[in-house]
Amino acid sequence: MARVTVRRNYRFIDKNPVIDVMRTAVQDEGLMERLQVVADLAGLTIGTIRGWFDGDVRDPRHSSVMTTLIGLGYENKWAKARKLDVEKELEFARAWLKRERAKAVRAAPKKRRKKRAA
């Protein structure tokens, strides 16, 4: 059974939203019908590209995402979205982690005791 990791600040249900960003970039460049060209530009296999868009890949490697988007002419830019209150954020993060651990304990299967031989 696959393990699902839940993160407080970055959640997705089915696939990482960056796959949609890449799909949009490929569509904007008119290359959805020419995925081999995308793979060649990125230095990846066609199977990797198809796995993102049509396969069961949920969370692609960052290096693969970046090489694909850079190959299509995009660049990565980070911008500060809000002022950080470290103490408040730590309090919130610790409370969230405590709740998630409690959920995991409740969801864990109960262990059966072995009967002793008489």
PDB file of N, CA and C in Angstrom:
ATOM      1  N   MET A   1       0.843  -1.182   0.000  1.00  0.00           N
ATOM      2  CA  MET A   1       0.000   0.000   0.000  1.00  0.00           C
ATOM      3  C   MET A   1       0.880   1.235   0.000  1.00  0.00           C
ATOM      4  N   ALA A   2       0.537   2.204  -0.834  1.00  0.00           N
ATOM      5  CA  ALA A   2       1.321   3.426  -0.947  1.00  0.00           C
ATOM      6  C   ALA A   2       1.119   4.306   0.278  1.00  0.00           C
ATOM      7  N   ARG A   3       2.176   4.972   0.671  1.00  0.00           N
ATOM      8  CA  ARG A   3       2.116   5.888   1.799  1.00  0.00           C
ATOM      9  C   ARG A   3       1.831   7.295   1.277  1.00  0.00           C
ATOM     10  N   VAL A   4       0.874   7.953   1.899  1.00  0.00           N
ATOM     11  CA  VAL A   4       0.519   9.308   1.506  1.00  0.00           C
ATOM     12  C   VAL A   4       1.031  10.263   2.571  1.00  0.00           C
ATOM     13  N   THR A   5       1.813  11.245   2.156  1.00  0.00           N
ATOM     14  CA  THR A   5       2.337  12.241   3.078  1.00  0.00           C
ATOM     15  C   THR A   5       1.484  13.495   2.971  1.00  0.00           C
ATOM     16  N   VAL A   6       1.006  13.950   4.121  1.00  0.00           N
ATOM     17  CA  VAL A   6       0.209  15.172   4.172  1.00  0.00           C
ATOM     18  C   VAL A   6       1.071  16.266   4.770  1.00  0.00           C
ATOM     19  N   ARG A   7       1.118  17.387   4.105  1.00  0.00           N
ATOM     20  CA  ARG A   7       1.889  18.523   4.593  1.00  0.00           C
ATOM     21  C   ARG A   7       0.940  19.671   4.901  1.00  0.00           C
ATOM     22  N   ARG A   8       1.245  20.389   5.958  1.00  0.00           N
ATOM     23  CA  ARG A   8       0.383  21.472   6.414  1.00  0.00           C
ATOM     24  C   ARG A   8       0.276  22.595   5.400  1.00  0.00           C
ATOM     25  N   ASN A   9       1.371  22.963   4.781  1.00  0.00           N
ATOM     26  CA  ASN A   9       1.403  24.139   3.918  1.00  0.00           C
ATOM     27  C   ASN A   9       1.203  23.845   2.441  1.00  0.00           C
ATOM     28  N   TYR A  10       1.219  22.589   2.049  1.00  0.00           N
ATOM     29  CA  TYR A  10       1.137  22.267   0.623  1.00  0.00           C
ATOM     30  C   TYR A  10       0.379  20.963   0.472  1.00  0.00           C
ATOM     31  N   ARG A  11      -0.872  21.053   0.093  1.00  0.00           N
ATOM     32  CA  ARG A  11      -1.725  19.871  -0.017  1.00  0.00           C
ATOM     33  C   ARG A  11      -2.258  19.725  -1.432  1.00  0.00           C
ATOM     34  N   PHE A  12      -2.388  18.485  -1.854  1.00  0.00           N
ATOM     35  CA  PHE A  12      -3.075  18.199  -3.099  1.00  0.00           C
ATOM     36  C   PHE A  12      -3.727  16.838  -2.968  1.00  0.00           C
ATOM     37  N   ILE A  13      -4.836  16.657  -3.670  1.00  0.00           N
ATOM     38  CA  ILE A  13      -5.613  15.430  -3.552  1.00  0.00           C
ATOM     39  C   ILE A  13      -5.128  14.376  -4.539  1.00  0.00           C
ATOM     40  N   ASP A  14      -5.195  14.685  -5.810  1.00  0.00           N
ATOM     41  CA  ASP A  14      -4.903  13.699  -6.842  1.00  0.00           C
ATOM     42  C   ASP A  14      -3.454  13.798  -7.316  1.00  0.00           C
ATOM     43  N   LYS A  15      -3.111  14.918  -7.931  1.00  0.00           N
ATOM     44  CA  LYS A  15      -1.757  15.120  -8.448  1.00  0.00           C
ATOM     45  C   LYS A  15      -1.252  16.486  -8.015  1.00  0.00           C
ATOM     46  N   ASN A  16       0.050  16.602  -7.932  1.00  0.00           N
ATOM     47  CA  ASN A  16       0.681  17.872  -7.596  1.00  0.00           C
ATOM     48  C   ASN A  16       0.247  18.920  -8.624  1.00  0.00           C
ATOM     49  N   PRO A  17      -0.211  20.085  -8.160  1.00  0.00           N
ATOM     50  CA  PRO A  17      -0.667  21.129  -9.094  1.00  0.00           C
ATOM     51  C   PRO A  17       0.389  21.574 -10.103  1.00  0.00           C
ATOM     52  N   VAL A  18       1.660  21.314  -9.845  1.00  0.00           N
ATOM     53  CA  VAL A  18       2.691  21.709 -10.805  1.00  0.00           C
ATOM     54  C   VAL A  18       2.525  20.940 -12.120  1.00  0.00           C
ATOM     55  N   ILE A  19       1.886  19.777 -12.077  1.00  0.00           N
ATOM     56  CA  ILE A  19       1.623  19.032 -13.312  1.00  0.00           C
ATOM     57  C   ILE A  19       0.680  19.837 -14.205  1.00  0.00           C
ATOM     58  N   ASP A  20      -0.308  20.485 -13.599  1.00  0.00           N
ATOM     59  CA  ASP A  20      -1.210  21.342 -14.383  1.00  0.00           C
ATOM     60  C   ASP A  20      -0.479  22.555 -14.947  1.00  0.00           C
ATOM     61  N   VAL A  21       0.461  23.091 -14.179  1.00  0.00           N
ATOM     62  CA  VAL A  21       1.267  24.218 -14.668  1.00  0.00           C
ATOM     63  C   VAL A  21       2.060  23.777 -15.899  1.00  0.00           C
ATOM     64  N   MET A  22       2.669  22.593 -15.809  1.00  0.00           N
ATOM     65  CA  MET A  22       3.447  22.099 -16.951  1.00  0.00           C
ATOM     66  C   MET A  22       2.556  21.805 -18.152  1.00  0.00           C
ATOM     67  N   ARG A  23       1.396  21.210 -17.902  1.00  0.00           N
ATOM     68  CA  ARG A  23       0.469  20.910 -19.001  1.00  0.00           C
ATOM     69  C   ARG A  23       0.062  22.207 -19.711  1.00  0.00           C
ATOM     70  N   THR A  24      -0.243  23.234 -18.923  1.00  0.00           N
ATOM     71  CA  THR A  24      -0.619  24.522 -19.512  1.00  0.00           C
ATOM     72  C   THR A  24       0.525  25.097 -20.335  1.00  0.00           C
ATOM     73  N   ALA A  25       1.753  25.006 -19.830  1.00  0.00           N
ATOM     74  CA  ALA A  25       2.918  25.514 -20.571  1.00  0.00           C
ATOM     75  C   ALA A  25       3.081  24.767 -21.890  1.00  0.00           C
ATOM     76  N   VAL A  26       2.934  23.451 -21.842  1.00  0.00           N
ATOM     77  CA  VAL A  26       3.064  22.646 -23.062  1.00  0.00           C
ATOM     78  C   VAL A  26       1.954  23.008 -24.050  1.00  0.00           C
ATOM     79  N   GLN A  27       0.728  23.174 -23.552  1.00  0.00           N
ATOM     80  CA  GLN A  27      -0.386  23.568 -24.422  1.00  0.00           C
ATOM     81  C   GLN A  27      -0.147  24.949 -25.032  1.00  0.00           C
ATOM     82  N   ASP A  28       0.315  25.890 -24.204  1.00  0.00           N
ATOM     83  CA  ASP A  28       0.573  27.246 -24.695  1.00  0.00           C
ATOM     84  C   ASP A  28       1.627  27.268 -25.800  1.00  0.00           C
ATOM     85  N   GLU A  29       2.556  26.343 -25.749  1.00  0.00           N
ATOM     86  CA  GLU A  29       3.590  26.259 -26.775  1.00  0.00           C
ATOM     87  C   GLU A  29       3.130  25.427 -27.974  1.00  0.00           C
ATOM     88  N   GLY A  30       1.909  24.880 -27.898  1.00  0.00           N
ATOM     89  CA  GLY A  30       1.367  24.080 -29.000  1.00  0.00           C
ATOM     90  C   GLY A  30       2.046  22.739 -29.160  1.00  0.00           C
ATOM     91  N   LEU A  31       2.510  22.169 -28.043  1.00  0.00           N
ATOM     92  CA  LEU A  31       3.289  20.935 -28.125  1.00  0.00           C
ATOM     93  C   LEU A  31       2.602  19.713 -27.506  1.00  0.00           C
ATOM     94  N   MET A  32       1.304  19.797 -27.208  1.00  0.00           N
ATOM     95  CA  MET A  32       0.625  18.647 -26.592  1.00  0.00           C
ATOM     96  C   MET A  32       0.621  17.433 -27.517  1.00  0.00           C
ATOM     97  N   GLU A  33       0.609  17.662 -28.812  1.00  0.00           N
ATOM     98  CA  GLU A  33       0.633  16.552 -29.771  1.00  0.00           C
ATOM     99  C   GLU A  33       2.068  16.171 -30.137  1.00  0.00           C
ATOM    100  N   ARG A  34       3.045  16.859 -29.559  1.00  0.00           N
ATOM    101  CA  ARG A  34       4.453  16.596 -29.874  1.00  0.00           C
ATOM    102  C   ARG A  34       5.248  16.460 -28.570  1.00  0.00           C
ATOM    103  N   LEU A  35       4.814  15.553 -27.715  1.00  0.00           N
ATOM    104  CA  LEU A  35       5.449  15.394 -26.404  1.00  0.00           C
ATOM    105  C   LEU A  35       6.896  14.919 -26.509  1.00  0.00           C
ATOM    106  N   GLN A  36       7.244  14.252 -27.609  1.00  0.00           N
ATOM    107  CA  GLN A  36       8.643  13.840 -27.788  1.00  0.00           C
ATOM    108  C   GLN A  36       9.535  15.069 -27.878  1.00  0.00           C
ATOM    109  N   VAL A  37       9.048  16.131 -28.484  1.00  0.00           N
ATOM    110  CA  VAL A  37       9.811  17.377 -28.582  1.00  0.00           C
ATOM    111  C   VAL A  37      10.024  17.949 -27.180  1.00  0.00           C
ATOM    112  N   VAL A  38       8.972  17.928 -26.359  1.00  0.00           N
ATOM    113  CA  VAL A  38       9.084  18.404 -24.967  1.00  0.00           C
ATOM    114  C   VAL A  38      10.127  17.580 -24.222  1.00  0.00           C
ATOM    115  N   ALA A  39      10.065  16.275 -24.390  1.00  0.00           N
ATOM    116  CA  ALA A  39      11.029  15.393 -23.731  1.00  0.00           C
ATOM    117  C   ALA A  39      12.452  15.695 -24.192  1.00  0.00           C
ATOM    118  N   ASP A  40      12.625  15.912 -25.470  1.00  0.00           N
ATOM    119  CA  ASP A  40      13.950  16.224 -26.004  1.00  0.00           C
ATOM    120  C   ASP A  40      14.468  17.557 -25.468  1.00  0.00           C
ATOM    121  N   LEU A  41      13.594  18.554 -25.403  1.00  0.00           N
ATOM    122  CA  LEU A  41      13.999  19.862 -24.868  1.00  0.00           C
ATOM    123  C   LEU A  41      14.415  19.768 -23.406  1.00  0.00           C
ATOM    124  N   ALA A  42      13.746  18.879 -22.674  1.00  0.00           N
ATOM    125  CA  ALA A  42      14.015  18.742 -21.236  1.00  0.00           C
ATOM    126  C   ALA A  42      15.113  17.728 -20.936  1.00  0.00           C
ATOM    127  N   GLY A  43      15.451  16.905 -21.898  1.00  0.00           N
ATOM    128  CA  GLY A  43      16.432  15.851 -21.649  1.00  0.00           C
ATOM    129  C   GLY A  43      15.845  14.714 -20.836  1.00  0.00           C
ATOM    130  N   LEU A  44      14.546  14.493 -20.977  1.00  0.00           N
ATOM    131  CA  LEU A  44      13.845  13.428 -20.259  1.00  0.00           C
ATOM    132  C   LEU A  44      13.305  12.419 -21.259  1.00  0.00           C
ATOM    133  N   THR A  45      12.756  11.335 -20.762  1.00  0.00           N
ATOM    134  CA  THR A  45      12.132  10.358 -21.650  1.00  0.00           C
ATOM    135  C   THR A  45      10.684  10.745 -21.894  1.00  0.00           C
ATOM    136  N   ILE A  46      10.151  10.279 -23.012  1.00  0.00           N
ATOM    137  CA  ILE A  46       8.743  10.515 -23.319  1.00  0.00           C
ATOM    138  C   ILE A  46       7.859   9.854 -22.253  1.00  0.00           C
ATOM    139  N   GLY A  47       8.323   8.743 -21.696  1.00  0.00           N
ATOM    140  CA  GLY A  47       7.570   8.056 -20.642  1.00  0.00           C
ATOM    141  C   GLY A  47       7.390   8.913 -19.402  1.00  0.00           C
ATOM    142  N   THR A  48       8.407   9.712 -19.091  1.00  0.00           N
ATOM    143  CA  THR A  48       8.305  10.615 -17.938  1.00  0.00           C
ATOM    144  C   THR A  48       7.217  11.652 -18.178  1.00  0.00           C
ATOM    145  N   ILE A  49       7.236  12.259 -19.347  1.00  0.00           N
ATOM    146  CA  ILE A  49       6.255  13.294 -19.683  1.00  0.00           C
ATOM    147  C   ILE A  49       4.851  12.701 -19.697  1.00  0.00           C
ATOM    148  N   ARG A  50       4.684  11.559 -20.329  1.00  0.00           N
ATOM    149  CA  ARG A  50       3.366  10.908 -20.378  1.00  0.00           C
ATOM    150  C   ARG A  50       2.905  10.485 -18.980  1.00  0.00           C
ATOM    151  N   GLY A  51       3.850  10.072 -18.163  1.00  0.00           N
ATOM    152  CA  GLY A  51       3.506   9.683 -16.795  1.00  0.00           C
ATOM    153  C   GLY A  51       2.897  10.829 -16.010  1.00  0.00           C
ATOM    154  N   TRP A  52       3.389  12.036 -16.244  1.00  0.00           N
ATOM    155  CA  TRP A  52       2.822  13.207 -15.563  1.00  0.00           C
ATOM    156  C   TRP A  52       1.401  13.472 -16.034  1.00  0.00           C
ATOM    157  N   PHE A  53       1.226  13.527 -17.341  1.00  0.00           N
ATOM    158  CA  PHE A  53      -0.041  13.978 -17.905  1.00  0.00           C
ATOM    159  C   PHE A  53      -1.107  12.888 -17.962  1.00  0.00           C
ATOM    160  N   ASP A  54      -0.708  11.673 -18.278  1.00  0.00           N
ATOM    161  CA  ASP A  54      -1.681  10.597 -18.478  1.00  0.00           C
ATOM    162  C   ASP A  54      -1.480   9.400 -17.564  1.00  0.00           C
ATOM    163  N   GLY A  55      -0.382   9.371 -16.833  1.00  0.00           N
ATOM    164  CA  GLY A  55      -0.070   8.205 -16.019  1.00  0.00           C
ATOM    165  C   GLY A  55      -0.403   8.389 -14.559  1.00  0.00           C
ATOM    166  N   ASP A  56       0.268   7.602 -13.751  1.00  0.00           N
ATOM    167  CA  ASP A  56      -0.032   7.612 -12.318  1.00  0.00           C
ATOM    168  C   ASP A  56       0.995   8.385 -11.481  1.00  0.00           C
ATOM    169  N   VAL A  57       1.842   9.173 -12.128  1.00  0.00           N
ATOM    170  CA  VAL A  57       2.801  10.007 -11.386  1.00  0.00           C
ATOM    171  C   VAL A  57       2.018  11.090 -10.656  1.00  0.00           C
ATOM    172  N   ARG A  58       2.185  11.153  -9.339  1.00  0.00           N
ATOM    173  CA  ARG A  58       1.457  12.123  -8.525  1.00  0.00           C
ATOM    174  C   ARG A  58       2.306  13.329  -8.163  1.00  0.00           C
ATOM    175  N   ASP A  59       3.600  13.103  -7.993  1.00  0.00           N
ATOM    176  CA  ASP A  59       4.461  14.164  -7.463  1.00  0.00           C
ATOM    177  C   ASP A  59       5.830  14.100  -8.143  1.00  0.00           C
ATOM    178  N   PRO A  60       5.976  14.775  -9.279  1.00  0.00           N
ATOM    179  CA  PRO A  60       7.230  14.685 -10.035  1.00  0.00           C
ATOM    180  C   PRO A  60       8.403  15.337  -9.305  1.00  0.00           C
ATOM    181  N   ARG A  61       9.595  14.876  -9.634  1.00  0.00           N
ATOM    182  CA  ARG A  61      10.809  15.451  -9.042  1.00  0.00           C
ATOM    183  C   ARG A  61      10.952  16.908  -9.464  1.00  0.00           C
ATOM    184  N   HIS A  62      11.406  17.712  -8.524  1.00  0.00           N
ATOM    185  CA  HIS A  62      11.582  19.140  -8.799  1.00  0.00           C
ATOM    186  C   HIS A  62      12.563  19.366  -9.950  1.00  0.00           C
ATOM    187  N   SER A  63      13.629  18.594  -9.977  1.00  0.00           N
ATOM    188  CA  SER A  63      14.619  18.784 -11.040  1.00  0.00           C
ATOM    189  C   SER A  63      14.014  18.505 -12.419  1.00  0.00           C
ATOM    190  N   SER A  64      13.134  17.529 -12.516  1.00  0.00           N
ATOM    191  CA  SER A  64      12.479  17.225 -13.791  1.00  0.00           C
ATOM    192  C   SER A  64      11.500  18.325 -14.181  1.00  0.00           C
ATOM    193  N   VAL A  65      10.783  18.843 -13.202  1.00  0.00           N
ATOM    194  CA  VAL A  65       9.854  19.942 -13.463  1.00  0.00           C
ATOM    195  C   VAL A  65      10.627  21.151 -13.991  1.00  0.00           C
ATOM    196  N   MET A  66      11.708  21.496 -13.315  1.00  0.00           N
ATOM    197  CA  MET A  66      12.465  22.687 -13.695  1.00  0.00           C
ATOM    198  C   MET A  66      13.116  22.527 -15.059  1.00  0.00           C
ATOM    199  N   THR A  67      13.683  21.374 -15.343  1.00  0.00           N
ATOM    200  CA  THR A  67      14.330  21.208 -16.645  1.00  0.00           C
ATOM    201  C   THR A  67      13.298  21.272 -17.771  1.00  0.00           C
ATOM    202  N   THR A  68      12.081  20.810 -17.501  1.00  0.00           N
ATOM    203  CA  THR A  68      11.024  20.886 -18.507  1.00  0.00           C
ATOM    204  C   THR A  68      10.584  22.322 -18.735  1.00  0.00           C
ATOM    205  N   LEU A  69      10.276  23.017 -17.656  1.00  0.00           N
ATOM    206  CA  LEU A  69       9.800  24.395 -17.800  1.00  0.00           C
ATOM    207  C   LEU A  69      10.879  25.326 -18.356  1.00  0.00           C
ATOM    208  N   ILE A  70      12.110  25.152 -17.934  1.00  0.00           N
ATOM    209  CA  ILE A  70      13.202  25.965 -18.479  1.00  0.00           C
ATOM    210  C   ILE A  70      13.385  25.657 -19.968  1.00  0.00           C
ATOM    211  N   GLY A  71      13.263  24.384 -20.328  1.00  0.00           N
ATOM    212  CA  GLY A  71      13.356  23.999 -21.731  1.00  0.00           C
ATOM    213  C   GLY A  71      12.272  24.631 -22.590  1.00  0.00           C
ATOM    214  N   LEU A  72      11.134  24.959 -21.957  1.00  0.00           N
ATOM    215  CA  LEU A  72      10.034  25.602 -22.675  1.00  0.00           C
ATOM    216  C   LEU A  72      10.107  27.129 -22.605  1.00  0.00           C
ATOM    217  N   GLY A  73      11.176  27.647 -21.986  1.00  0.00           N
ATOM    218  CA  GLY A  73      11.375  29.092 -21.952  1.00  0.00           C
ATOM    219  C   GLY A  73      10.877  29.782 -20.694  1.00  0.00           C
ATOM    220  N   TYR A  74      10.529  29.032 -19.663  1.00  0.00           N
ATOM    221  CA  TYR A  74      10.038  29.625 -18.419  1.00  0.00           C
ATOM    222  C   TYR A  74      11.181  29.748 -17.419  1.00  0.00           C
ATOM    223  N   GLU A  75      10.986  30.580 -16.402  1.00  0.00           N
ATOM    224  CA  GLU A  75      11.966  30.679 -15.324  1.00  0.00           C
ATOM    225  C   GLU A  75      11.229  30.655 -13.990  1.00  0.00           C
ATOM    226  N   ASN A  76      11.935  30.209 -12.969  1.00  0.00           N
ATOM    227  CA  ASN A  76      11.372  30.087 -11.627  1.00  0.00           C
ATOM    228  C   ASN A  76      11.576  31.392 -10.866  1.00  0.00           C
ATOM    229  N   LYS A  77      10.494  31.945 -10.360  1.00  0.00           N
ATOM    230  CA  LYS A  77      10.585  33.171  -9.562  1.00  0.00           C
ATOM    231  C   LYS A  77       9.794  32.969  -8.277  1.00  0.00           C
ATOM    232  N   TRP A  78      10.424  33.278  -7.157  1.00  0.00           N
ATOM    233  CA  TRP A  78       9.756  33.205  -5.866  1.00  0.00           C
ATOM    234  C   TRP A  78       9.503  34.618  -5.387  1.00  0.00           C
ATOM    235  N   ALA A  79       8.334  34.840  -4.816  1.00  0.00           N
ATOM    236  CA  ALA A  79       7.980  36.158  -4.296  1.00  0.00           C
ATOM    237  C   ALA A  79       7.385  35.992  -2.901  1.00  0.00           C
ATOM    238  N   LYS A  80       7.789  36.831  -1.994  1.00  0.00           N
ATOM    239  CA  LYS A  80       7.255  36.773  -0.639  1.00  0.00           C
ATOM    240  C   LYS A  80       5.781  37.145  -0.677  1.00  0.00           C
ATOM    241  N   ALA A  81       4.929  36.285  -0.099  1.00  0.00           N
ATOM    242  CA  ALA A  81       3.484  36.488  -0.171  1.00  0.00           C
ATOM    243  C   ALA A  81       2.906  37.125   1.087  1.00  0.00           C
ATOM    244  N   ARG A  82       3.607  36.978   2.208  1.00  0.00           N
ATOM    245  CA  ARG A  82       3.085  37.529   3.459  1.00  0.00           C
ATOM    246  C   ARG A  82       4.219  37.715   4.448  1.00  0.00           C
ATOM    247  N   LYS A  83       3.966  38.539   5.449  1.00  0.00           N
ATOM    248  CA  LYS A  83       4.953  38.745   6.504  1.00  0.00           C
ATOM    249  C   LYS A  83       4.902  37.554   7.449  1.00  0.00           C
ATOM    250  N   LEU A  84       6.051  37.065   7.839  1.00  0.00           N
ATOM    251  CA  LEU A  84       6.139  35.883   8.684  1.00  0.00           C
ATOM    252  C   LEU A  84       6.241  36.269  10.155  1.00  0.00           C
ATOM    253  N   ASP A  85       5.316  35.765  10.961  1.00  0.00           N
ATOM    254  CA  ASP A  85       5.380  35.860  12.414  1.00  0.00           C
ATOM    255  C   ASP A  85       5.834  34.486  12.898  1.00  0.00           C
ATOM    256  N   VAL A  86       7.133  34.336  13.149  1.00  0.00           N
ATOM    257  CA  VAL A  86       7.727  33.032  13.420  1.00  0.00           C
ATOM    258  C   VAL A  86       7.072  32.348  14.606  1.00  0.00           C
ATOM    259  N   GLU A  87       6.886  33.043  15.697  1.00  0.00           N
ATOM    260  CA  GLU A  87       6.320  32.418  16.893  1.00  0.00           C
ATOM    261  C   GLU A  87       4.891  31.944  16.655  1.00  0.00           C
ATOM    262  N   LYS A  88       4.096  32.750  16.011  1.00  0.00           N
ATOM    263  CA  LYS A  88       2.708  32.377  15.722  1.00  0.00           C
ATOM    264  C   LYS A  88       2.672  31.180  14.768  1.00  0.00           C
ATOM    265  N   GLU A  89       3.531  31.211  13.767  1.00  0.00           N
ATOM    266  CA  GLU A  89       3.576  30.129  12.784  1.00  0.00           C
ATOM    267  C   GLU A  89       4.048  28.827  13.426  1.00  0.00           C
ATOM    268  N   LEU A  90       5.050  28.903  14.310  1.00  0.00           N
ATOM    269  CA  LEU A  90       5.516  27.708  15.018  1.00  0.00           C
ATOM    270  C   LEU A  90       4.419  27.115  15.890  1.00  0.00           C
ATOM    271  N   GLU A  91       3.690  27.966  16.577  1.00  0.00           N
ATOM    272  CA  GLU A  91       2.589  27.490  17.420  1.00  0.00           C
ATOM    273  C   GLU A  91       1.544  26.766  16.572  1.00  0.00           C
ATOM    274  N   PHE A  92       1.191  27.366  15.448  1.00  0.00           N
ATOM    275  CA  PHE A  92       0.215  26.763  14.552  1.00  0.00           C
ATOM    276  C   PHE A  92       0.738  25.438  13.990  1.00  0.00           C
ATOM    277  N   ALA A  93       1.991  25.417  13.565  1.00  0.00           N
ATOM    278  CA  ALA A  93       2.582  24.209  12.976  1.00  0.00           C
ATOM    279  C   ALA A  93       2.657  23.076  13.991  1.00  0.00           C
ATOM    280  N   ARG A  94       3.035  23.377  15.208  1.00  0.00           N
ATOM    281  CA  ARG A  94       3.123  22.340  16.246  1.00  0.00           C
ATOM    282  C   ARG A  94       1.750  21.784  16.594  1.00  0.00           C
ATOM    283  N   ALA A  95       0.741  22.650  16.666  1.00  0.00           N
ATOM    284  CA  ALA A  95      -0.622  22.190  16.943  1.00  0.00           C
ATOM    285  C   ALA A  95      -1.125  21.302  15.807  1.00  0.00           C
ATOM    286  N   TRP A  96      -0.832  21.699  14.566  1.00  0.00           N
ATOM    287  CA  TRP A  96      -1.244  20.900  13.417  1.00  0.00           C
ATOM    288  C   TRP A  96      -0.584  19.528  13.460  1.00  0.00           C
ATOM    289  N   LEU A  97       0.722  19.484  13.721  1.00  0.00           N
ATOM    290  CA  LEU A  97       1.450  18.223  13.762  1.00  0.00           C
ATOM    291  C   LEU A  97       0.917  17.321  14.872  1.00  0.00           C
ATOM    292  N   LYS A  98       0.597  17.894  16.011  1.00  0.00           N
ATOM    293  CA  LYS A  98       0.042  17.122  17.129  1.00  0.00           C
ATOM    294  C   LYS A  98      -1.296  16.483  16.724  1.00  0.00           C
ATOM    295  N   ARG A  99      -2.155  17.250  16.046  1.00  0.00           N
ATOM    296  CA  ARG A  99      -3.443  16.716  15.573  1.00  0.00           C
ATOM    297  C   ARG A  99      -3.230  15.601  14.551  1.00  0.00           C
ATOM    298  N   GLU A 100      -2.290  15.797  13.624  1.00  0.00           N
ATOM    299  CA  GLU A 100      -2.032  14.779  12.595  1.00  0.00           C
ATOM    300  C   GLU A 100      -1.493  13.491  13.211  1.00  0.00           C
ATOM    301  N   ARG A 101      -0.630  13.606  14.196  1.00  0.00           N
ATOM    302  CA  ARG A 101      -0.097  12.409  14.860  1.00  0.00           C
ATOM    303  C   ARG A 101      -1.194  11.683  15.628  1.00  0.00           C
ATOM    304  N   ALA A 102      -2.082  12.437  16.256  1.00  0.00           N
ATOM    305  CA  ALA A 102      -3.198  11.820  16.976  1.00  0.00           C
ATOM    306  C   ALA A 102      -4.119  11.078  16.000  1.00  0.00           C
ATOM    307  N   LYS A 103      -4.365  11.669  14.831  1.00  0.00           N
ATOM    308  CA  LYS A 103      -5.176  11.010  13.811  1.00  0.00           C
ATOM    309  C   LYS A 103      -4.523   9.709  13.364  1.00  0.00           C
ATOM    310  N   ALA A 104      -3.203   9.734  13.179  1.00  0.00           N
ATOM    311  CA  ALA A 104      -2.478   8.548  12.722  1.00  0.00           C
ATOM    312  C   ALA A 104      -2.567   7.434  13.756  1.00  0.00           C
ATOM    313  N   VAL A 105      -2.472   7.795  15.026  1.00  0.00           N
ATOM    314  CA  VAL A 105      -2.562   6.788  16.093  1.00  0.00           C
ATOM    315  C   VAL A 105      -3.954   6.172  16.095  1.00  0.00           C
ATOM    316  N   ARG A 106      -4.986   7.004  15.973  1.00  0.00           N
ATOM    317  CA  ARG A 106      -6.370   6.486  15.959  1.00  0.00           C
ATOM    318  C   ARG A 106      -6.619   5.610  14.742  1.00  0.00           C
ATOM    319  N   ALA A 107      -5.997   5.924  13.627  1.00  0.00           N
ATOM    320  CA  ALA A 107      -6.231   5.183  12.386  1.00  0.00           C
ATOM    321  C   ALA A 107      -5.388   3.913  12.285  1.00  0.00           C
ATOM    322  N   ALA A 108      -4.374   3.791  13.117  1.00  0.00           N
ATOM    323  CA  ALA A 108      -3.480   2.627  13.048  1.00  0.00           C
ATOM    324  C   ALA A 108      -4.246   1.366  13.442  1.00  0.00           C
ATOM    325  N   PRO A 109      -3.974   0.261  12.743  1.00  0.00           N
ATOM    326  CA  PRO A 109      -4.655  -0.992  13.098  1.00  0.00           C
ATOM    327  C   PRO A 109      -4.232  -1.453  14.487  1.00  0.00           C
ATOM    328  N   LYS A 110      -5.178  -2.017  15.198  1.00  0.00           N
ATOM    329  CA  LYS A 110      -4.905  -2.520  16.549  1.00  0.00           C
ATOM    330  C   LYS A 110      -4.130  -3.821  16.458  1.00  0.00           C
ATOM    331  N   LYS A 111      -3.137  -3.965  17.312  1.00  0.00           N
ATOM    332  CA  LYS A 111      -2.348  -5.190  17.336  1.00  0.00           C
ATOM    333  C   LYS A 111      -3.060  -6.217  18.201  1.00  0.00           C
ATOM    334  N   ARG A 112      -3.079  -7.440  17.723  1.00  0.00           N
ATOM    335  CA  ARG A 112      -3.691  -8.537  18.470  1.00  0.00           C
ATOM    336  C   ARG A 112      -2.647  -9.188  19.357  1.00  0.00           C
ATOM    337  N   ARG A 113      -3.112  -9.584  20.498  1.00  0.00           N
ATOM    338  CA  ARG A 113      -2.212 -10.310  21.396  1.00  0.00           C
ATOM    339  C   ARG A 113      -2.184 -11.777  21.004  1.00  0.00           C
ATOM    340  N   LYS A 114      -1.016 -12.353  21.070  1.00  0.00           N
ATOM    341  CA  LYS A 114      -0.886 -13.773  20.776  1.00  0.00           C
ATOM    342  C   LYS A 114      -1.285 -14.569  22.015  1.00  0.00           C
ATOM    343  N   LYS A 115      -1.983 -15.652  21.770  1.00  0.00           N
ATOM    344  CA  LYS A 115      -2.362 -16.526  22.869  1.00  0.00           C
ATOM    345  C   LYS A 115      -1.161 -17.355  23.277  1.00  0.00           C
ATOM    346  N   ARG A 116      -1.029 -17.500  24.571  1.00  0.00           N
ATOM    347  CA  ARG A 116       0.079 -18.323  25.076  1.00  0.00           C
ATOM    348  C   ARG A 116      -0.310 -19.795  25.062  1.00  0.00           C
ATOM    349  N   ALA A 117       0.652 -20.595  24.737  1.00  0.00           N
ATOM    350  CA  ALA A 117       0.427 -22.040  24.750  1.00  0.00           C
ATOM    351  C   ALA A 117       0.408 -22.517  26.202  1.00  0.00           C
ATOM    352  N   ALA A 118      -0.519 -23.363  26.518  1.00  0.00           N
ATOM    353  CA  ALA A 118      -0.646 -23.843  27.907  1.00  0.00           C
ATOM    354  C   ALA A 118       0.244 -25.004  28.183  1.00  0.00           C
TER     355      ALA A 118
END
